[in-house]
Each structure stands twice: as structure tokens, then as C-alpha cells.
Amino acid sequence: MIGFYYHILHAVDKGTQVIEDSLYMKKWAVNGGTYTIVPTPHHINDQYINKKGIIQRVEK
């Protein structure tokens, strides 16, 4: 299963507040049969403005 629309990225818009929650979400998804997660941060929608540095950090 491929999971879309996950707010799993720590400290990015609606993402988790602590990294441990991101890891918990990942484990929960894998245990449920998900083998690919496509994180979907919001981008410049007048509510969340994710700066380039944050996105580059996530890419690492």
C-alpha cells in the first residue's frame, strides 16, 4: 500500500511537533501494510509558507 497525504514531516506545517511522533506514525503505517509514504506538506496557500530551507532539510 502507498500512503498519500501524510503529515508525517516533523516541524513542517501540520506535521508532528516532535520527531518521536513522526517515527510512531511511520511504524504505525508500516505495521498496517504501507510500504511507501508520500509526505504532503502544504505549500504557500496563505496559511502555511514552508521556506526553502525547511524543504531542503526534509530532503536530507
Protein backbone atom coordinates (compact mmCIF):
# COMPACT_ATOMS: atom_id res chain seq x y z
CA MET A 1 0.00 0.00 0.00
CA ILE A 2 1.16 3.53 -0.74
CA GLY A 3 0.16 6.22 1.75
CA PHE A 4 -0.57 9.72 0.45
CA TYR A 5 -1.47 12.82 2.41
CA TYR A 6 0.59 12.03 5.46
CA HIS A 7 1.51 14.93 7.71
CA ILE A 8 4.48 12.96 8.95
CA LEU A 9 7.21 15.56 8.46
CA HIS A 10 8.42 16.88 11.80
CA ALA A 11 8.02 20.66 12.25
CA VAL A 12 6.62 21.28 8.76
CA ASP A 13 3.15 22.89 8.66
CA LYS A 14 0.63 20.35 10.10
CA GLY A 15 3.37 17.81 10.76
CA THR A 16 4.33 16.38 14.11
CA GLN A 17 5.64 18.57 16.88
CA VAL A 18 8.27 16.06 17.98
CA ILE A 19 10.31 13.62 15.90
CA GLU A 20 9.19 10.69 18.06
CA ASP A 21 5.63 11.20 16.80
CA SER A 22 6.87 11.02 13.19
CA LEU A 23 8.62 7.75 13.95
CA TYR A 24 5.48 6.40 15.65
CA MET A 25 3.39 7.33 12.59
CA LYS A 26 5.88 5.58 10.32
CA LYS A 27 5.81 2.41 12.40
CA TRP A 28 2.00 2.51 12.55
CA ALA A 29 1.78 2.82 8.77
CA VAL A 30 4.30 0.02 8.12
CA ASN A 31 2.54 -2.29 10.58
CA GLY A 32 -0.68 -1.61 8.67
CA GLY A 33 0.86 -2.67 5.35
CA THR A 34 2.11 0.63 3.97
CA TYR A 35 5.43 0.27 2.15
CA THR A 36 5.71 3.77 0.68
CA ILE A 37 4.79 7.06 2.32
CA VAL A 38 4.43 10.23 0.27
CA PRO A 39 4.57 13.16 2.70
CA THR A 40 2.46 16.07 1.57
CA PRO A 41 3.30 19.39 3.23
CA HIS A 42 1.17 22.36 2.30
CA HIS A 43 2.95 24.95 0.20
CA ILE A 44 2.15 28.66 0.03
CA ASN A 45 -1.60 28.57 0.50
CA ASP A 46 -1.76 31.75 2.60
CA GLN A 47 -1.83 29.65 5.75
CA TYR A 48 1.44 27.71 5.58
CA ILE A 49 4.54 29.11 3.97
CA ASN A 50 7.26 26.47 4.02
CA LYS A 51 10.56 28.16 3.48
CA LYS A 52 13.12 26.69 1.11
CA GLY A 53 15.48 25.78 3.96
CA ILE A 54 12.86 23.60 5.65
CA ILE A 55 12.12 21.69 2.47
CA GLN A 56 15.85 21.20 1.80
CA ARG A 57 16.28 19.87 5.35
CA VAL A 58 13.47 17.37 4.78
CA GLU A 59 15.12 16.17 1.56
CA LYS A 60 18.16 15.07 3.58
